[in-house]
Amino acid sequence: PAPTALAIGCHENQLSAEYQADFLRQICRQLGIQI
């Protein structure tokens, strides 16, 4: 039900996409938001 969202896309290889997703998960844990 959150009022806003960020859509962060990745057009790389699978390893880079997984790295980006892990980095964003760390930010979400730090700020207490969902991903």
ModelCIF file with pLDDT and N, C-alpha, C, O atoms, coordinates in Angstrom:
data_MODEL
#
_entry.id   MODEL 
#
_entity.id                         1 
_entity.type                       polymer 
_entity.pdbx_number_of_molecules   1 
#
_entity_poly.entity_id                      1 
_entity_poly.type                           'polypeptide(L)' 
_entity_poly.nstd_linkage                   no 
_entity_poly.nstd_monomer                   no 
_entity_poly.pdbx_seq_one_letter_code       PAPTALAIGCHENQLSAEYQADFLRQICRQLGIQI 
_entity_poly.pdbx_seq_one_letter_code_can   PAPTALAIGCHENQLSAEYQADFLRQICRQLGIQI 
_entity_poly.pdbx_strand_id                 A 
#
loop_
_entity_poly_seq.entity_id 
_entity_poly_seq.num 
_entity_poly_seq.mon_id 
_entity_poly_seq.hetero 
1 1  PRO n 
1 2  ALA n 
1 3  PRO n 
1 4  THR n 
1 5  ALA n 
1 6  LEU n 
1 7  ALA n 
1 8  ILE n 
1 9  GLY n 
1 10 CYS n 
1 11 HIS n 
1 12 GLU n 
1 13 ASN n 
1 14 GLN n 
1 15 LEU n 
1 16 SER n 
1 17 ALA n 
1 18 GLU n 
1 19 TYR n 
1 20 GLN n 
1 21 ALA n 
1 22 ASP n 
1 23 PHE n 
1 24 LEU n 
1 25 ARG n 
1 26 GLN n 
1 27 ILE n 
1 28 CYS n 
1 29 ARG n 
1 30 GLN n 
1 31 LEU n 
1 32 GLY n 
1 33 ILE n 
1 34 GLN n 
1 35 ILE n 
#
_struct_asym.id          A 
_struct_asym.entity_id   1 
#
loop_
_ma_qa_metric.id 
_ma_qa_metric.mode 
_ma_qa_metric.name 
_ma_qa_metric.software_group_id 
_ma_qa_metric.type 
1 global pLDDT . pLDDT 
2 local  pLDDT . pLDDT 
#
_ma_qa_metric_global.metric_id      1 
_ma_qa_metric_global.metric_value   94.54 
_ma_qa_metric_global.model_id       1 
_ma_qa_metric_global.ordinal_id     1 
#
loop_
_ma_qa_metric_local.label_asym_id 
_ma_qa_metric_local.label_comp_id 
_ma_qa_metric_local.label_seq_id 
_ma_qa_metric_local.metric_id 
_ma_qa_metric_local.metric_value 
_ma_qa_metric_local.model_id 
_ma_qa_metric_local.ordinal_id 
A PRO 1  2 87.00 1 1  
A ALA 2  2 89.00 1 2  
A PRO 3  2 91.00 1 3  
A THR 4  2 94.00 1 4  
A ALA 5  2 95.00 1 5  
A LEU 6  2 96.00 1 6  
A ALA 7  2 97.00 1 7  
A ILE 8  2 97.00 1 8  
A GLY 9  2 96.00 1 9  
A CYS 10 2 95.00 1 10 
A HIS 11 2 94.00 1 11 
A GLU 12 2 91.00 1 12 
A ASN 13 2 91.00 1 13 
A GLN 14 2 92.00 1 14 
A LEU 15 2 93.00 1 15 
A SER 16 2 93.00 1 16 
A ALA 17 2 93.00 1 17 
A GLU 18 2 95.00 1 18 
A TYR 19 2 95.00 1 19 
A GLN 20 2 96.00 1 20 
A ALA 21 2 96.00 1 21 
A ASP 22 2 96.00 1 22 
A PHE 23 2 97.00 1 23 
A LEU 24 2 97.00 1 24 
A ARG 25 2 97.00 1 25 
A GLN 26 2 97.00 1 26 
A ILE 27 2 96.00 1 27 
A CYS 28 2 96.00 1 28 
A ARG 29 2 96.00 1 29 
A GLN 30 2 95.00 1 30 
A LEU 31 2 96.00 1 31 
A GLY 32 2 94.00 1 32 
A ILE 33 2 95.00 1 33 
A GLN 34 2 95.00 1 34 
A ILE 35 2 96.00 1 35 
#
loop_
_atom_site.group_PDB 
_atom_site.id 
_atom_site.type_symbol 
_atom_site.label_atom_id 
_atom_site.label_alt_id 
_atom_site.label_comp_id 
_atom_site.label_asym_id 
_atom_site.label_entity_id 
_atom_site.label_seq_id 
_atom_site.pdbx_PDB_ins_code 
_atom_site.Cartn_x 
_atom_site.Cartn_y 
_atom_site.Cartn_z 
_atom_site.occupancy 
_atom_site.B_iso_or_equiv 
_atom_site.pdbx_formal_charge 
_atom_site.auth_seq_id 
_atom_site.auth_comp_id 
_atom_site.auth_asym_id 
_atom_site.auth_atom_id 
_atom_site.pdbx_PDB_model_num 
ATOM 1   N N  . PRO A 1 1  ? 0.811  -1.232  0.000   1.00 87.00 ? 1  PRO A N  1 
ATOM 2   C CA . PRO A 1 1  ? 0.000  0.000   0.000   1.00 87.00 ? 1  PRO A CA 1 
ATOM 3   C C  . PRO A 1 1  ? 0.836  1.270   0.000   1.00 87.00 ? 1  PRO A C  1 
ATOM 4   O O  . PRO A 1 1  ? 0.286  2.360   0.159   1.00 87.00 ? 1  PRO A O  1 
ATOM 5   N N  . ALA A 1 2  ? 2.134  1.164   -0.172  1.00 89.00 ? 2  ALA A N  1 
ATOM 6   C CA . ALA A 1 2  ? 3.013  2.331   -0.161  1.00 89.00 ? 2  ALA A CA 1 
ATOM 7   C C  . ALA A 1 2  ? 2.596  3.320   -1.244  1.00 89.00 ? 2  ALA A C  1 
ATOM 8   O O  . ALA A 1 2  ? 2.203  2.904   -2.334  1.00 89.00 ? 2  ALA A O  1 
ATOM 9   N N  . PRO A 1 3  ? 2.674  4.627   -0.967  1.00 91.00 ? 3  PRO A N  1 
ATOM 10  C CA . PRO A 1 3  ? 2.185  5.626   -1.930  1.00 91.00 ? 3  PRO A CA 1 
ATOM 11  C C  . PRO A 1 3  ? 3.097  5.847   -3.141  1.00 91.00 ? 3  PRO A C  1 
ATOM 12  O O  . PRO A 1 3  ? 2.662  6.419   -4.141  1.00 91.00 ? 3  PRO A O  1 
ATOM 13  N N  . THR A 1 4  ? 4.343  5.405   -3.062  1.00 94.00 ? 4  THR A N  1 
ATOM 14  C CA . THR A 1 4  ? 5.267  5.692   -4.162  1.00 94.00 ? 4  THR A CA 1 
ATOM 15  C C  . THR A 1 4  ? 6.267  4.559   -4.319  1.00 94.00 ? 4  THR A C  1 
ATOM 16  O O  . THR A 1 4  ? 6.483  3.769   -3.400  1.00 94.00 ? 4  THR A O  1 
ATOM 17  N N  . ALA A 1 5  ? 6.875  4.492   -5.505  1.00 95.00 ? 5  ALA A N  1 
ATOM 18  C CA . ALA A 1 5  ? 7.807  3.402   -5.799  1.00 95.00 ? 5  ALA A CA 1 
ATOM 19  C C  . ALA A 1 5  ? 8.905  3.891   -6.727  1.00 95.00 ? 5  ALA A C  1 
ATOM 20  O O  . ALA A 1 5  ? 8.715  4.812   -7.521  1.00 95.00 ? 5  ALA A O  1 
ATOM 21  N N  . LEU A 1 6  ? 10.061 3.246   -6.606  1.00 96.00 ? 6  LEU A N  1 
ATOM 22  C CA . LEU A 1 6  ? 11.167 3.427   -7.545  1.00 96.00 ? 6  LEU A CA 1 
ATOM 23  C C  . LEU A 1 6  ? 11.310 2.151   -8.358  1.00 96.00 ? 6  LEU A C  1 
ATOM 24  O O  . LEU A 1 6  ? 11.394 1.060   -7.795  1.00 96.00 ? 6  LEU A O  1 
ATOM 25  N N  . ALA A 1 7  ? 11.338 2.284   -9.678  1.00 97.00 ? 7  ALA A N  1 
ATOM 26  C CA . ALA A 1 7  ? 11.552 1.137   -10.561 1.00 97.00 ? 7  ALA A CA 1 
ATOM 27  C C  . ALA A 1 7  ? 12.967 1.247   -11.121 1.00 97.00 ? 7  ALA A C  1 
ATOM 28  O O  . ALA A 1 7  ? 13.222 2.050   -12.019 1.00 97.00 ? 7  ALA A O  1 
ATOM 29  N N  . ILE A 1 8  ? 13.891 0.437   -10.589 1.00 97.00 ? 8  ILE A N  1 
ATOM 30  C CA . ILE A 1 8  ? 15.284 0.466   -10.984 1.00 97.00 ? 8  ILE A CA 1 
ATOM 31  C C  . ILE A 1 8  ? 15.549 -0.736  -11.889 1.00 97.00 ? 8  ILE A C  1 
ATOM 32  O O  . ILE A 1 8  ? 15.539 -1.878  -11.428 1.00 97.00 ? 8  ILE A O  1 
ATOM 33  N N  . GLY A 1 9  ? 15.785 -0.479  -13.171 1.00 96.00 ? 9  GLY A N  1 
ATOM 34  C CA . GLY A 1 9  ? 15.998 -1.545  -14.134 1.00 96.00 ? 9  GLY A CA 1 
ATOM 35  C C  . GLY A 1 9  ? 17.467 -1.856  -14.321 1.00 96.00 ? 9  GLY A C  1 
ATOM 36  O O  . GLY A 1 9  ? 18.337 -1.055  -13.980 1.00 96.00 ? 9  GLY A O  1 
ATOM 37  N N  . CYS A 1 10 ? 17.730 -3.029  -14.868 1.00 95.00 ? 10 CYS A N  1 
ATOM 38  C CA . CYS A 1 10 ? 19.099 -3.441  -15.145 1.00 95.00 ? 10 CYS A CA 1 
ATOM 39  C C  . CYS A 1 10 ? 19.146 -4.122  -16.497 1.00 95.00 ? 10 CYS A C  1 
ATOM 40  O O  . CYS A 1 10 ? 18.445 -5.109  -16.717 1.00 95.00 ? 10 CYS A O  1 
ATOM 41  N N  . HIS A 1 11 ? 19.976 -3.602  -17.421 1.00 94.00 ? 11 HIS A N  1 
ATOM 42  C CA . HIS A 1 11 ? 20.212 -4.217  -18.716 1.00 94.00 ? 11 HIS A CA 1 
ATOM 43  C C  . HIS A 1 11 ? 21.681 -4.636  -18.793 1.00 94.00 ? 11 HIS A C  1 
ATOM 44  O O  . HIS A 1 11 ? 22.474 -4.034  -19.517 1.00 94.00 ? 11 HIS A O  1 
ATOM 45  N N  . GLU A 1 12 ? 22.021 -5.655  -18.049 1.00 91.00 ? 12 GLU A N  1 
ATOM 46  C CA . GLU A 1 12 ? 23.397 -6.146  -18.002 1.00 91.00 ? 12 GLU A CA 1 
ATOM 47  C C  . GLU A 1 12 ? 23.345 -7.670  -18.079 1.00 91.00 ? 12 GLU A C  1 
ATOM 48  O O  . GLU A 1 12 ? 22.330 -8.237  -18.483 1.00 91.00 ? 12 GLU A O  1 
ATOM 49  N N  . ASN A 1 13 ? 24.430 -8.331  -17.697 1.00 91.00 ? 13 ASN A N  1 
ATOM 50  C CA . ASN A 1 13 ? 24.388 -9.790  -17.586 1.00 91.00 ? 13 ASN A CA 1 
ATOM 51  C C  . ASN A 1 13 ? 23.780 -10.183 -16.243 1.00 91.00 ? 13 ASN A C  1 
ATOM 52  O O  . ASN A 1 13 ? 23.545 -9.334  -15.384 1.00 91.00 ? 13 ASN A O  1 
ATOM 53  N N  . GLN A 1 14 ? 23.530 -11.468 -16.075 1.00 92.00 ? 14 GLN A N  1 
ATOM 54  C CA . GLN A 1 14 ? 22.824 -11.914 -14.868 1.00 92.00 ? 14 GLN A CA 1 
ATOM 55  C C  . GLN A 1 14 ? 23.611 -11.610 -13.603 1.00 92.00 ? 14 GLN A C  1 
ATOM 56  O O  . GLN A 1 14 ? 23.025 -11.251 -12.581 1.00 92.00 ? 14 GLN A O  1 
ATOM 57  N N  . LEU A 1 15 ? 24.942 -11.751 -13.657 1.00 93.00 ? 15 LEU A N  1 
ATOM 58  C CA . LEU A 1 15 ? 25.758 -11.487 -12.480 1.00 93.00 ? 15 LEU A CA 1 
ATOM 59  C C  . LEU A 1 15 ? 25.636 -10.025 -12.052 1.00 93.00 ? 15 LEU A C  1 
ATOM 60  O O  . LEU A 1 15 ? 25.523 -9.735  -10.861 1.00 93.00 ? 15 LEU A O  1 
ATOM 61  N N  . SER A 1 16 ? 25.659 -9.106  -13.015 1.00 93.00 ? 16 SER A N  1 
ATOM 62  C CA . SER A 1 16 ? 25.524 -7.681  -12.698 1.00 93.00 ? 16 SER A CA 1 
ATOM 63  C C  . SER A 1 16 ? 24.140 -7.367  -12.149 1.00 93.00 ? 16 SER A C  1 
ATOM 64  O O  . SER A 1 16 ? 23.994 -6.551  -11.239 1.00 93.00 ? 16 SER A O  1 
ATOM 65  N N  . ALA A 1 17 ? 23.110 -8.031  -12.717 1.00 93.00 ? 17 ALA A N  1 
ATOM 66  C CA . ALA A 1 17 ? 21.747 -7.815  -12.226 1.00 93.00 ? 17 ALA A CA 1 
ATOM 67  C C  . ALA A 1 17 ? 21.603 -8.287  -10.788 1.00 93.00 ? 17 ALA A C  1 
ATOM 68  O O  . ALA A 1 17 ? 20.936 -7.642  -9.978  1.00 93.00 ? 17 ALA A O  1 
ATOM 69  N N  . GLU A 1 18 ? 22.230 -9.416  -10.473 1.00 95.00 ? 18 GLU A N  1 
ATOM 70  C CA . GLU A 1 18 ? 22.162 -9.927  -9.089  1.00 95.00 ? 18 GLU A CA 1 
ATOM 71  C C  . GLU A 1 18 ? 22.905 -8.997  -8.136  1.00 95.00 ? 18 GLU A C  1 
ATOM 72  O O  . GLU A 1 18 ? 22.462 -8.771  -7.010  1.00 95.00 ? 18 GLU A O  1 
ATOM 73  N N  . TYR A 1 19 ? 24.039 -8.456  -8.592  1.00 95.00 ? 19 TYR A N  1 
ATOM 74  C CA . TYR A 1 19 ? 24.788 -7.505  -7.760  1.00 95.00 ? 19 TYR A CA 1 
ATOM 75  C C  . TYR A 1 19 ? 23.936 -6.269  -7.494  1.00 95.00 ? 19 TYR A C  1 
ATOM 76  O O  . TYR A 1 19 ? 23.879 -5.786  -6.363  1.00 95.00 ? 19 TYR A O  1 
ATOM 77  N N  . GLN A 1 20 ? 23.266 -5.747  -8.542  1.00 96.00 ? 20 GLN A N  1 
ATOM 78  C CA . GLN A 1 20 ? 22.427 -4.564  -8.370  1.00 96.00 ? 20 GLN A CA 1 
ATOM 79  C C  . GLN A 1 20 ? 21.293 -4.841  -7.400  1.00 96.00 ? 20 GLN A C  1 
ATOM 80  O O  . GLN A 1 20 ? 20.995 -4.015  -6.537  1.00 96.00 ? 20 GLN A O  1 
ATOM 81  N N  . ALA A 1 21 ? 20.650 -6.013  -7.538  1.00 96.00 ? 21 ALA A N  1 
ATOM 82  C CA . ALA A 1 21 ? 19.542 -6.358  -6.647  1.00 96.00 ? 21 ALA A CA 1 
ATOM 83  C C  . ALA A 1 21 ? 20.012 -6.479  -5.199  1.00 96.00 ? 21 ALA A C  1 
ATOM 84  O O  . ALA A 1 21 ? 19.320 -6.024  -4.288  1.00 96.00 ? 21 ALA A O  1 
ATOM 85  N N  . ASP A 1 22 ? 21.192 -7.092  -4.974  1.00 96.00 ? 22 ASP A N  1 
ATOM 86  C CA . ASP A 1 22 ? 21.718 -7.218  -3.611  1.00 96.00 ? 22 ASP A CA 1 
ATOM 87  C C  . ASP A 1 22 ? 22.040 -5.854  -3.014  1.00 96.00 ? 22 ASP A C  1 
ATOM 88  O O  . ASP A 1 22 ? 21.785 -5.609  -1.835  1.00 96.00 ? 22 ASP A O  1 
ATOM 89  N N  . PHE A 1 23 ? 22.602 -4.969  -3.833  1.00 97.00 ? 23 PHE A N  1 
ATOM 90  C CA . PHE A 1 23 ? 22.921 -3.615  -3.368  1.00 97.00 ? 23 PHE A CA 1 
ATOM 91  C C  . PHE A 1 23 ? 21.649 -2.878  -2.959  1.00 97.00 ? 23 PHE A C  1 
ATOM 92  O O  . PHE A 1 23 ? 21.619 -2.198  -1.933  1.00 97.00 ? 23 PHE A O  1 
ATOM 93  N N  . LEU A 1 24 ? 20.603 -3.018  -3.765  1.00 97.00 ? 24 LEU A N  1 
ATOM 94  C CA . LEU A 1 24 ? 19.342 -2.340  -3.462  1.00 97.00 ? 24 LEU A CA 1 
ATOM 95  C C  . LEU A 1 24 ? 18.673 -2.947  -2.225  1.00 97.00 ? 24 LEU A C  1 
ATOM 96  O O  . LEU A 1 24 ? 18.029 -2.231  -1.458  1.00 97.00 ? 24 LEU A O  1 
ATOM 97  N N  . ARG A 1 25 ? 18.819 -4.244  -2.026  1.00 97.00 ? 25 ARG A N  1 
ATOM 98  C CA . ARG A 1 25 ? 18.264 -4.869  -0.809  1.00 97.00 ? 25 ARG A CA 1 
ATOM 99  C C  . ARG A 1 25 ? 18.930 -4.296  0.437   1.00 97.00 ? 25 ARG A C  1 
ATOM 100 O O  . ARG A 1 25 ? 18.268 -4.076  1.452   1.00 97.00 ? 25 ARG A O  1 
ATOM 101 N N  . GLN A 1 26 ? 20.225 -4.056  0.364   1.00 97.00 ? 26 GLN A N  1 
ATOM 102 C CA . GLN A 1 26 ? 20.925 -3.460  1.506   1.00 97.00 ? 26 GLN A CA 1 
ATOM 103 C C  . GLN A 1 26 ? 20.366 -2.075  1.820   1.00 97.00 ? 26 GLN A C  1 
ATOM 104 O O  . GLN A 1 26 ? 20.153 -1.732  2.983   1.00 97.00 ? 26 GLN A O  1 
ATOM 105 N N  . ILE A 1 27 ? 20.131 -1.284  0.775   1.00 96.00 ? 27 ILE A N  1 
ATOM 106 C CA . ILE A 1 27 ? 19.556 0.055   0.983   1.00 96.00 ? 27 ILE A CA 1 
ATOM 107 C C  . ILE A 1 27 ? 18.175 -0.055  1.609   1.00 96.00 ? 27 ILE A C  1 
ATOM 108 O O  . ILE A 1 27 ? 17.836 0.705   2.516   1.00 96.00 ? 27 ILE A O  1 
ATOM 109 N N  . CYS A 1 28 ? 17.380 -0.998  1.125   1.00 96.00 ? 28 CYS A N  1 
ATOM 110 C CA . CYS A 1 28 ? 16.015 -1.153  1.650   1.00 96.00 ? 28 CYS A CA 1 
ATOM 111 C C  . CYS A 1 28 ? 16.030 -1.578  3.109   1.00 96.00 ? 28 CYS A C  1 
ATOM 112 O O  . CYS A 1 28 ? 15.218 -1.096  3.898   1.00 96.00 ? 28 CYS A O  1 
ATOM 113 N N  . ARG A 1 29 ? 16.950 -2.481  3.486   1.00 96.00 ? 29 ARG A N  1 
ATOM 114 C CA . ARG A 1 29 ? 17.053 -2.872  4.901   1.00 96.00 ? 29 ARG A CA 1 
ATOM 115 C C  . ARG A 1 29 ? 17.479 -1.683  5.756   1.00 96.00 ? 29 ARG A C  1 
ATOM 116 O O  . ARG A 1 29 ? 16.994 -1.497  6.872   1.00 96.00 ? 29 ARG A O  1 
ATOM 117 N N  . GLN A 1 30 ? 18.391 -0.884  5.215   1.00 95.00 ? 30 GLN A N  1 
ATOM 118 C CA . GLN A 1 30 ? 18.893 0.277   5.948   1.00 95.00 ? 30 GLN A CA 1 
ATOM 119 C C  . GLN A 1 30 ? 17.787 1.304   6.190   1.00 95.00 ? 30 GLN A C  1 
ATOM 120 O O  . GLN A 1 30 ? 17.745 1.934   7.246   1.00 95.00 ? 30 GLN A O  1 
ATOM 121 N N  . LEU A 1 31 ? 16.895 1.472   5.215   1.00 96.00 ? 31 LEU A N  1 
ATOM 122 C CA . LEU A 1 31 ? 15.851 2.492   5.319   1.00 96.00 ? 31 LEU A CA 1 
ATOM 123 C C  . LEU A 1 31 ? 14.509 1.933   5.788   1.00 96.00 ? 31 LEU A C  1 
ATOM 124 O O  . LEU A 1 31 ? 13.587 2.698   6.071   1.00 96.00 ? 31 LEU A O  1 
ATOM 125 N N  . GLY A 1 32 ? 14.394 0.630   5.872   1.00 94.00 ? 32 GLY A N  1 
ATOM 126 C CA . GLY A 1 32 ? 13.132 0.036   6.301   1.00 94.00 ? 32 GLY A CA 1 
ATOM 127 C C  . GLY A 1 32 ? 12.034 0.109   5.250   1.00 94.00 ? 32 GLY A C  1 
ATOM 128 O O  . GLY A 1 32 ? 10.865 0.297   5.587   1.00 94.00 ? 32 GLY A O  1 
ATOM 129 N N  . ILE A 1 33 ? 12.399 -0.038  3.982   1.00 95.00 ? 33 ILE A N  1 
ATOM 130 C CA . ILE A 1 33 ? 11.404 -0.054  2.909   1.00 95.00 ? 33 ILE A CA 1 
ATOM 131 C C  . ILE A 1 33 ? 11.429 -1.410  2.222   1.00 95.00 ? 33 ILE A C  1 
ATOM 132 O O  . ILE A 1 33 ? 12.350 -2.203  2.419   1.00 95.00 ? 33 ILE A O  1 
ATOM 133 N N  . GLN A 1 34 ? 10.412 -1.666  1.418   1.00 95.00 ? 34 GLN A N  1 
ATOM 134 C CA . GLN A 1 34 ? 10.262 -2.978  0.812   1.00 95.00 ? 34 GLN A CA 1 
ATOM 135 C C  . GLN A 1 34 ? 10.812 -2.999  -0.612  1.00 95.00 ? 34 GLN A C  1 
ATOM 136 O O  . GLN A 1 34 ? 10.902 -1.971  -1.283  1.00 95.00 ? 34 GLN A O  1 
ATOM 137 N N  . ILE A 1 35 ? 11.176 -4.205  -1.048  1.00 96.00 ? 35 ILE A N  1 
ATOM 138 C CA . ILE A 1 35 ? 11.688 -4.378  -2.399  1.00 96.00 ? 35 ILE A CA 1 
ATOM 139 C C  . ILE A 1 35 ? 11.177 -5.692  -2.969  1.00 96.00 ? 35 ILE A C  1 
ATOM 140 O O  . ILE A 1 35 ? 11.494 -6.035  -4.108  1.00 96.00 ? 35 ILE A O  1 
#
